[in-house]
PDB file of N, CA and C in Angstrom:
ATOM      1  N   MET A   1       2.488   8.078  -3.827  1.00  0.00           N
ATOM      2  CA  MET A   1       3.090   6.795  -4.081  1.00  0.00           C
ATOM      3  C   MET A   1       2.080   5.985  -4.904  1.00  0.00           C
ATOM      4  N   SER A   2       2.550   5.428  -6.002  1.00  0.00           N
ATOM      5  CA  SER A   2       1.676   4.583  -6.868  1.00  0.00           C
ATOM      6  C   SER A   2       1.789   3.142  -6.443  1.00  0.00           C
ATOM      7  N   ILE A   3       0.620   2.511  -6.309  1.00  0.00           N
ATOM      8  CA  ILE A   3       0.500   1.167  -5.819  1.00  0.00           C
ATOM      9  C   ILE A   3      -0.314   0.299  -6.781  1.00  0.00           C
ATOM     10  N   HIS A   4       0.060  -0.946  -6.932  1.00  0.00           N
ATOM     11  CA  HIS A   4      -0.770  -1.929  -7.634  1.00  0.00           C
ATOM     12  C   HIS A   4      -1.227  -2.911  -6.525  1.00  0.00           C
ATOM     13  N   ALA A   5      -2.499  -2.897  -6.238  1.00  0.00           N
ATOM     14  CA  ALA A   5      -3.060  -3.723  -5.163  1.00  0.00           C
ATOM     15  C   ALA A   5      -3.502  -5.046  -5.720  1.00  0.00           C
ATOM     16  N   GLN A   6      -3.208  -6.088  -4.946  1.00  0.00           N
ATOM     17  CA  GLN A   6      -3.667  -7.461  -5.252  1.00  0.00           C
ATOM     18  C   GLN A   6      -4.408  -8.039  -4.094  1.00  0.00           C
ATOM     19  N   PRO A   7      -5.731  -7.760  -4.013  1.00  0.00           N
ATOM     20  CA  PRO A   7      -6.475  -8.233  -2.862  1.00  0.00           C
ATOM     21  C   PRO A   7      -6.748  -9.760  -2.904  1.00  0.00           C
ATOM     22  N   GLY A   8      -7.095 -10.312  -1.765  1.00  0.00           N
ATOM     23  CA  GLY A   8      -7.387 -11.735  -1.713  1.00  0.00           C
ATOM     24  C   GLY A   8      -6.179 -12.641  -1.623  1.00  0.00           C
ATOM     25  N   ALA A   9      -4.999 -12.102  -1.274  1.00  0.00           N
ATOM     26  CA  ALA A   9      -3.793 -12.915  -1.164  1.00  0.00           C
ATOM     27  C   ALA A   9      -3.770 -13.640   0.208  1.00  0.00           C
ATOM     28  N   ARG A  10      -2.859 -14.541   0.399  1.00  0.00           N
ATOM     29  CA  ARG A  10      -2.738 -15.293   1.663  1.00  0.00           C
ATOM     30  C   ARG A  10      -2.357 -14.350   2.820  1.00  0.00           C
ATOM     31  N   ARG A  11      -1.403 -13.446   2.485  1.00  0.00           N
ATOM     32  CA  ARG A  11      -0.955 -12.515   3.532  1.00  0.00           C
ATOM     33  C   ARG A  11      -0.681 -11.165   2.911  1.00  0.00           C
ATOM     34  N   THR A  12      -0.641 -10.126   3.730  1.00  0.00           N
ATOM     35  CA  THR A  12      -0.368  -8.791   3.253  1.00  0.00           C
ATOM     36  C   THR A  12       1.117  -8.576   3.271  1.00  0.00           C
ATOM     37  N   ALA A  13       1.667  -8.218   2.112  1.00  0.00           N
ATOM     38  CA  ALA A  13       3.117  -7.994   1.989  1.00  0.00           C
ATOM     39  C   ALA A  13       3.420  -7.261   0.713  1.00  0.00           C
ATOM     40  N   SER A  14       4.560  -6.624   0.685  1.00  0.00           N
ATOM     41  CA  SER A  14       5.051  -6.021  -0.519  1.00  0.00           C
ATOM     42  C   SER A  14       5.473  -7.194  -1.476  1.00  0.00           C
ATOM     43  N   ALA A  15       5.118  -7.050  -2.758  1.00  0.00           N
ATOM     44  CA  ALA A  15       5.348  -8.143  -3.682  1.00  0.00           C
ATOM     45  C   ALA A  15       6.114  -7.701  -4.924  1.00  0.00           C
ATOM     46  N   GLY A  16       6.947  -6.687  -4.777  1.00  0.00           N
ATOM     47  CA  GLY A  16       7.819  -6.245  -5.897  1.00  0.00           C
ATOM     48  C   GLY A  16       7.235  -5.077  -6.678  1.00  0.00           C
ATOM     49  N   ILE A  17       7.569  -5.010  -7.946  1.00  0.00           N
ATOM     50  CA  ILE A  17       7.198  -3.895  -8.784  1.00  0.00           C
ATOM     51  C   ILE A  17       6.354  -4.479  -9.923  1.00  0.00           C
ATOM     52  N   TYR A  18       5.239  -3.802 -10.239  1.00  0.00           N
ATOM     53  CA  TYR A  18       4.361  -4.193 -11.344  1.00  0.00           C
ATOM     54  C   TYR A  18       4.039  -2.920 -12.125  1.00  0.00           C
ATOM     55  N   ASP A  19       4.433  -2.943 -13.437  1.00  0.00           N
ATOM     56  CA  ASP A  19       4.157  -1.835 -14.320  1.00  0.00           C
ATOM     57  C   ASP A  19       4.576  -0.479 -13.750  1.00  0.00           C
ATOM     58  N   GLY A  20       5.777  -0.459 -13.094  1.00  0.00           N
ATOM     59  CA  GLY A  20       6.297   0.764 -12.546  1.00  0.00           C
ATOM     60  C   GLY A  20       5.719   1.180 -11.239  1.00  0.00           C
ATOM     61  N   ARG A  21       4.812   0.388 -10.640  1.00  0.00           N
ATOM     62  CA  ARG A  21       4.212   0.695  -9.354  1.00  0.00           C
ATOM     63  C   ARG A  21       4.599  -0.385  -8.362  1.00  0.00           C
ATOM     64  N   LEU A  22       4.643   0.000  -7.064  1.00  0.00           N
ATOM     65  CA  LEU A  22       4.838  -1.018  -6.019  1.00  0.00           C
ATOM     66  C   LEU A  22       3.657  -1.927  -5.970  1.00  0.00           C
ATOM     67  N   LYS A  23       3.904  -3.202  -5.993  1.00  0.00           N
ATOM     68  CA  LYS A  23       2.807  -4.190  -5.886  1.00  0.00           C
ATOM     69  C   LYS A  23       2.690  -4.634  -4.473  1.00  0.00           C
ATOM     70  N   VAL A  24       1.483  -4.599  -3.931  1.00  0.00           N
ATOM     71  CA  VAL A  24       1.252  -5.022  -2.558  1.00  0.00           C
ATOM     72  C   VAL A  24       0.132  -6.093  -2.564  1.00  0.00           C
ATOM     73  N   ALA A  25       0.436  -7.263  -2.067  1.00  0.00           N
ATOM     74  CA  ALA A  25      -0.541  -8.319  -1.918  1.00  0.00           C
ATOM     75  C   ALA A  25      -1.279  -8.090  -0.611  1.00  0.00           C
ATOM     76  N   LEU A  26      -2.622  -8.183  -0.668  1.00  0.00           N
ATOM     77  CA  LEU A  26      -3.418  -7.880   0.495  1.00  0.00           C
ATOM     78  C   LEU A  26      -4.261  -9.086   0.890  1.00  0.00           C
ATOM     79  N   ALA A  27      -4.271  -9.449   2.151  1.00  0.00           N
ATOM     80  CA  ALA A  27      -5.060 -10.544   2.653  1.00  0.00           C
ATOM     81  C   ALA A  27      -6.545 -10.208   2.666  1.00  0.00           C
ATOM     82  N   ALA A  28      -6.878  -8.933   2.681  1.00  0.00           N
ATOM     83  CA  ALA A  28      -8.227  -8.474   2.771  1.00  0.00           C
ATOM     84  C   ALA A  28      -8.952  -8.602   1.425  1.00  0.00           C
ATOM     85  N   PRO A  29     -10.236  -8.942   1.402  1.00  0.00           N
ATOM     86  CA  PRO A  29     -10.951  -9.001   0.119  1.00  0.00           C
ATOM     87  C   PRO A  29     -11.346  -7.589  -0.368  1.00  0.00           C
ATOM     88  N   PRO A  30     -11.586  -7.423  -1.645  1.00  0.00           N
ATOM     89  CA  PRO A  30     -11.947  -6.133  -2.200  1.00  0.00           C
ATOM     90  C   PRO A  30     -13.446  -5.814  -2.021  1.00  0.00           C
ATOM     91  N   VAL A  31     -13.895  -5.903  -0.804  1.00  0.00           N
ATOM     92  CA  VAL A  31     -15.367  -5.705  -0.484  1.00  0.00           C
ATOM     93  C   VAL A  31     -15.498  -4.631   0.548  1.00  0.00           C
ATOM     94  N   ASP A  32     -16.413  -3.715   0.317  1.00  0.00           N
ATOM     95  CA  ASP A  32     -16.747  -2.677   1.270  1.00  0.00           C
ATOM     96  C   ASP A  32     -15.528  -1.881   1.746  1.00  0.00           C
ATOM     97  N   GLY A  33     -14.529  -1.691   0.874  1.00  0.00           N
ATOM     98  CA  GLY A  33     -13.378  -0.883   1.249  1.00  0.00           C
ATOM     99  C   GLY A  33     -12.389  -1.542   2.143  1.00  0.00           C
ATOM    100  N   ARG A  34     -12.553  -2.859   2.436  1.00  0.00           N
ATOM    101  CA  ARG A  34     -11.654  -3.534   3.334  1.00  0.00           C
ATOM    102  C   ARG A  34     -10.228  -3.634   2.824  1.00  0.00           C
ATOM    103  N   ALA A  35     -10.047  -3.829   1.500  1.00  0.00           N
ATOM    104  CA  ALA A  35      -8.729  -3.921   0.936  1.00  0.00           C
ATOM    105  C   ALA A  35      -8.028  -2.536   1.008  1.00  0.00           C
ATOM    106  N   ASN A  36      -8.774  -1.448   0.755  1.00  0.00           N
ATOM    107  CA  ASN A  36      -8.177  -0.126   0.852  1.00  0.00           C
ATOM    108  C   ASN A  36      -7.746   0.167   2.281  1.00  0.00           C
ATOM    109  N   ALA A  37      -8.594  -0.216   3.275  1.00  0.00           N
ATOM    110  CA  ALA A  37      -8.237   0.001   4.697  1.00  0.00           C
ATOM    111  C   ALA A  37      -6.988  -0.797   5.063  1.00  0.00           C
ATOM    112  N   ALA A  38      -6.929  -2.043   4.576  1.00  0.00           N
ATOM    113  CA  ALA A  38      -5.779  -2.906   4.901  1.00  0.00           C
ATOM    114  C   ALA A  38      -4.535  -2.292   4.242  1.00  0.00           C
ATOM    115  N   LEU A  39      -4.639  -1.773   3.070  1.00  0.00           N
ATOM    116  CA  LEU A  39      -3.506  -1.157   2.383  1.00  0.00           C
ATOM    117  C   LEU A  39      -3.070   0.103   3.119  1.00  0.00           C
ATOM    118  N   GLN A  40      -3.983   0.904   3.582  1.00  0.00           N
ATOM    119  CA  GLN A  40      -3.694   2.079   4.342  1.00  0.00           C
ATOM    120  C   GLN A  40      -2.922   1.717   5.611  1.00  0.00           C
ATOM    121  N   GLU A  41      -3.432   0.694   6.341  1.00  0.00           N
ATOM    122  CA  GLU A  41      -2.761   0.241   7.575  1.00  0.00           C
ATOM    123  C   GLU A  41      -1.336  -0.251   7.283  1.00  0.00           C
ATOM    124  N   PHE A  42      -1.188  -1.034   6.195  1.00  0.00           N
ATOM    125  CA  PHE A  42       0.092  -1.618   5.825  1.00  0.00           C
ATOM    126  C   PHE A  42       1.114  -0.506   5.546  1.00  0.00           C
ATOM    127  N   LEU A  43       0.690   0.467   4.711  1.00  0.00           N
ATOM    128  CA  LEU A  43       1.569   1.564   4.348  1.00  0.00           C
ATOM    129  C   LEU A  43       1.962   2.382   5.564  1.00  0.00           C
ATOM    130  N   ALA A  44       1.037   2.636   6.462  1.00  0.00           N
ATOM    131  CA  ALA A  44       1.304   3.386   7.663  1.00  0.00           C
ATOM    132  C   ALA A  44       2.293   2.655   8.582  1.00  0.00           C
ATOM    133  N   ARG A  45       2.088   1.335   8.711  1.00  0.00           N
ATOM    134  CA  ARG A  45       2.979   0.501   9.560  1.00  0.00           C
ATOM    135  C   ARG A  45       4.394   0.510   8.982  1.00  0.00           C
ATOM    136  N   GLU A  46       4.500   0.304   7.691  1.00  0.00           N
ATOM    137  CA  GLU A  46       5.791   0.230   7.026  1.00  0.00           C
ATOM    138  C   GLU A  46       6.506   1.560   7.027  1.00  0.00           C
ATOM    139  N   ALA A  47       5.776   2.655   6.950  1.00  0.00           N
ATOM    140  CA  ALA A  47       6.391   3.985   6.883  1.00  0.00           C
ATOM    141  C   ALA A  47       6.660   4.518   8.276  1.00  0.00           C
ATOM    142  N   GLY A  48       6.091   3.858   9.295  1.00  0.00           N
ATOM    143  CA  GLY A  48       6.255   4.302  10.686  1.00  0.00           C
ATOM    144  C   GLY A  48       5.498   5.582  10.980  1.00  0.00           C
ATOM    145  N   VAL A  49       4.344   5.729  10.401  1.00  0.00           N
ATOM    146  CA  VAL A  49       3.522   6.897  10.636  1.00  0.00           C
ATOM    147  C   VAL A  49       2.122   6.420  11.082  1.00  0.00           C
ATOM    148  N   ALA A  50       1.285   7.383  11.581  1.00  0.00           N
ATOM    149  CA  ALA A  50      -0.105   7.059  11.951  1.00  0.00           C
ATOM    150  C   ALA A  50      -0.929   6.784  10.702  1.00  0.00           C
ATOM    151  N   LYS A  51      -2.006   5.996  10.907  1.00  0.00           N
ATOM    152  CA  LYS A  51      -2.889   5.688   9.792  1.00  0.00           C
ATOM    153  C   LYS A  51      -3.467   7.004   9.181  1.00  0.00           C
ATOM    154  N   SER A  52      -3.687   7.961  10.045  1.00  0.00           N
ATOM    155  CA  SER A  52      -4.230   9.247   9.550  1.00  0.00           C
ATOM    156  C   SER A  52      -3.291   9.998   8.630  1.00  0.00           C
ATOM    157  N   ALA A  53      -2.007   9.615   8.607  1.00  0.00           N
ATOM    158  CA  ALA A  53      -1.015  10.275   7.740  1.00  0.00           C
ATOM    159  C   ALA A  53      -0.998   9.637   6.344  1.00  0.00           C
ATOM    160  N   VAL A  54      -1.812   8.622   6.130  1.00  0.00           N
ATOM    161  CA  VAL A  54      -1.843   7.949   4.810  1.00  0.00           C
ATOM    162  C   VAL A  54      -3.238   8.193   4.201  1.00  0.00           C
ATOM    163  N   SER A  55      -3.251   8.792   3.030  1.00  0.00           N
ATOM    164  CA  SER A  55      -4.510   9.121   2.380  1.00  0.00           C
ATOM    165  C   SER A  55      -4.533   8.516   0.978  1.00  0.00           C
ATOM    166  N   LEU A  56      -5.692   7.961   0.625  1.00  0.00           N
ATOM    167  CA  LEU A  56      -5.943   7.446  -0.717  1.00  0.00           C
ATOM    168  C   LEU A  56      -6.303   8.604  -1.623  1.00  0.00           C
ATOM    169  N   LEU A  57      -5.535   8.903  -2.605  1.00  0.00           N
ATOM    170  CA  LEU A  57      -5.755   9.980  -3.526  1.00  0.00           C
ATOM    171  C   LEU A  57      -6.608   9.606  -4.712  1.00  0.00           C
ATOM    172  N   SER A  58      -6.389   8.403  -5.240  1.00  0.00           N
ATOM    173  CA  SER A  58      -7.164   7.927  -6.355  1.00  0.00           C
ATOM    174  C   SER A  58      -7.103   6.426  -6.451  1.00  0.00           C
ATOM    175  N   GLY A  59      -8.153   5.870  -7.094  1.00  0.00           N
ATOM    176  CA  GLY A  59      -8.167   4.406  -7.292  1.00  0.00           C
ATOM    177  C   GLY A  59      -9.022   3.668  -6.289  1.00  0.00           C
ATOM    178  N   GLN A  60     -10.071   4.329  -5.753  1.00  0.00           N
ATOM    179  CA  GLN A  60     -10.943   3.720  -4.772  1.00  0.00           C
ATOM    180  C   GLN A  60     -11.387   2.283  -5.129  1.00  0.00           C
ATOM    181  N   THR A  61     -11.776   2.086  -6.414  1.00  0.00           N
ATOM    182  CA  THR A  61     -12.257   0.785  -6.845  1.00  0.00           C
ATOM    183  C   THR A  61     -11.357   0.082  -7.848  1.00  0.00           C
ATOM    184  N   SER A  62     -10.158   0.622  -8.014  1.00  0.00           N
ATOM    185  CA  SER A  62      -9.227   0.090  -8.986  1.00  0.00           C
ATOM    186  C   SER A  62      -8.065  -0.604  -8.299  1.00  0.00           C
ATOM    187  N   ARG A  63      -7.367  -1.517  -8.999  1.00  0.00           N
ATOM    188  CA  ARG A  63      -6.116  -2.040  -8.459  1.00  0.00           C
ATOM    189  C   ARG A  63      -5.017  -1.063  -8.502  1.00  0.00           C
ATOM    190  N   SER A  64      -5.074  -0.121  -9.387  1.00  0.00           N
ATOM    191  CA  SER A  64      -4.075   0.943  -9.487  1.00  0.00           C
ATOM    192  C   SER A  64      -4.494   2.116  -8.574  1.00  0.00           C
ATOM    193  N   LYS A  65      -3.653   2.374  -7.576  1.00  0.00           N
ATOM    194  CA  LYS A  65      -4.017   3.357  -6.550  1.00  0.00           C
ATOM    195  C   LYS A  65      -2.871   4.344  -6.339  1.00  0.00           C
ATOM    196  N   ARG A  66      -3.219   5.577  -5.874  1.00  0.00           N
ATOM    197  CA  ARG A  66      -2.234   6.560  -5.506  1.00  0.00           C
ATOM    198  C   ARG A  66      -2.476   6.942  -4.056  1.00  0.00           C
ATOM    199  N   PHE A  67      -1.452   6.897  -3.235  1.00  0.00           N
ATOM    200  CA  PHE A  67      -1.543   7.236  -1.838  1.00  0.00           C
ATOM    201  C   PHE A  67      -0.590   8.415  -1.568  1.00  0.00           C
ATOM    202  N   LEU A  68      -0.987   9.253  -0.623  1.00  0.00           N
ATOM    203  CA  LEU A  68      -0.111  10.277  -0.067  1.00  0.00           C
ATOM    204  C   LEU A  68       0.244   9.833   1.331  1.00  0.00           C
ATOM    205  N   VAL A  69       1.552   9.765   1.617  1.00  0.00           N
ATOM    206  CA  VAL A  69       2.047   9.388   2.944  1.00  0.00           C
ATOM    207  C   VAL A  69       2.806  10.595   3.463  1.00  0.00           C
ATOM    208  N   ARG A  70       2.189  11.217   4.478  1.00  0.00           N
ATOM    209  CA  ARG A  70       2.789  12.388   5.115  1.00  0.00           C
ATOM    210  C   ARG A  70       3.706  11.938   6.267  1.00  0.00           C
ATOM    211  N   GLY A  71       4.811  12.654   6.434  1.00  0.00           N
ATOM    212  CA  GLY A  71       5.687  12.423   7.563  1.00  0.00           C
ATOM    213  C   GLY A  71       6.714  11.335   7.325  1.00  0.00           C
ATOM    214  N   ALA A  72       6.844  10.856   6.068  1.00  0.00           N
ATOM    215  CA  ALA A  72       7.856   9.813   5.836  1.00  0.00           C
ATOM    216  C   ALA A  72       8.631  10.226   4.553  1.00  0.00           C
ATOM    217  N   GLY A  73       9.908  10.091   4.629  1.00  0.00           N
ATOM    218  CA  GLY A  73      10.738  10.379   3.452  1.00  0.00           C
ATOM    219  C   GLY A  73      10.509   9.264   2.403  1.00  0.00           C
ATOM    220  N   LEU A  74      10.532   9.669   1.137  1.00  0.00           N
ATOM    221  CA  LEU A  74      10.293   8.690   0.072  1.00  0.00           C
ATOM    222  C   LEU A  74      11.317   7.580   0.086  1.00  0.00           C
ATOM    223  N   GLU A  75      12.570   7.899   0.277  1.00  0.00           N
ATOM    224  CA  GLU A  75      13.606   6.902   0.247  1.00  0.00           C
ATOM    225  C   GLU A  75      13.470   5.912   1.406  1.00  0.00           C
ATOM    226  N   GLU A  76      13.138   6.417   2.571  1.00  0.00           N
ATOM    227  CA  GLU A  76      12.934   5.575   3.735  1.00  0.00           C
ATOM    228  C   GLU A  76      11.759   4.615   3.529  1.00  0.00           C
ATOM    229  N   LEU A  77      10.673   5.184   2.929  1.00  0.00           N
ATOM    230  CA  LEU A  77       9.484   4.381   2.656  1.00  0.00           C
ATOM    231  C   LEU A  77       9.762   3.313   1.635  1.00  0.00           C
ATOM    232  N   ARG A  78      10.471   3.673   0.595  1.00  0.00           N
ATOM    233  CA  ARG A  78      10.838   2.661  -0.418  1.00  0.00           C
ATOM    234  C   ARG A  78      11.695   1.532   0.163  1.00  0.00           C
ATOM    235  N   ALA A  79      12.640   1.922   1.030  1.00  0.00           N
ATOM    236  CA  ALA A  79      13.491   0.942   1.678  1.00  0.00           C
ATOM    237  C   ALA A  79      12.680  -0.001   2.600  1.00  0.00           C
ATOM    238  N   ALA A  80      11.716   0.557   3.292  1.00  0.00           N
ATOM    239  CA  ALA A  80      10.896  -0.267   4.181  1.00  0.00           C
ATOM    240  C   ALA A  80      10.003  -1.213   3.369  1.00  0.00           C
ATOM    241  N   LEU A  81       9.567  -0.776   2.192  1.00  0.00           N
ATOM    242  CA  LEU A  81       8.677  -1.623   1.418  1.00  0.00           C
ATOM    243  C   LEU A  81       9.407  -2.556   0.436  1.00  0.00           C
ATOM    244  N   ASP A  82      10.705  -2.442   0.395  1.00  0.00           N
ATOM    245  CA  ASP A  82      11.472  -3.282  -0.552  1.00  0.00           C
ATOM    246  C   ASP A  82      11.260  -4.761  -0.163  1.00  0.00           C
ATOM    247  N   PRO A  83      10.745  -5.595  -1.082  1.00  0.00           N
ATOM    248  CA  PRO A  83      10.494  -6.978  -0.763  1.00  0.00           C
ATOM    249  C   PRO A  83      11.767  -7.814  -0.472  1.00  0.00           C
ATOM    250  N   GLY A  84      12.924  -7.237  -0.861  1.00  0.00           N
ATOM    251  CA  GLY A  84      14.197  -7.883  -0.604  1.00  0.00           C
ATOM    252  C   GLY A  84      14.670  -7.782   0.837  1.00  0.00           C
ATOM    253  N   ASN A  85      14.026  -6.886   1.620  1.00  0.00           N
ATOM    254  CA  ASN A  85      14.405  -6.695   3.041  1.00  0.00           C
ATOM    255  C   ASN A  85      13.875  -7.786   3.908  1.00  0.00           C
TER     256      ASN A  85
END
């Protein structure tokens, strides 16, 4: 799953689509991996899977990230992350 992370927001939430990727606003700052950890927790919670089922594939220090979410169907995950819900 391709993500555009926006750290330092007021609250953590899905924020629509940015450049073809899901945009997620993160309340955590981009310091010491805290934003990546917050994004991992958010994706796991929204997908209904354990944190260990969500892995960062690329983008450790970039706003553009790729995650692997095991145990969740892509359509169900997209529906859960839809900002219109």
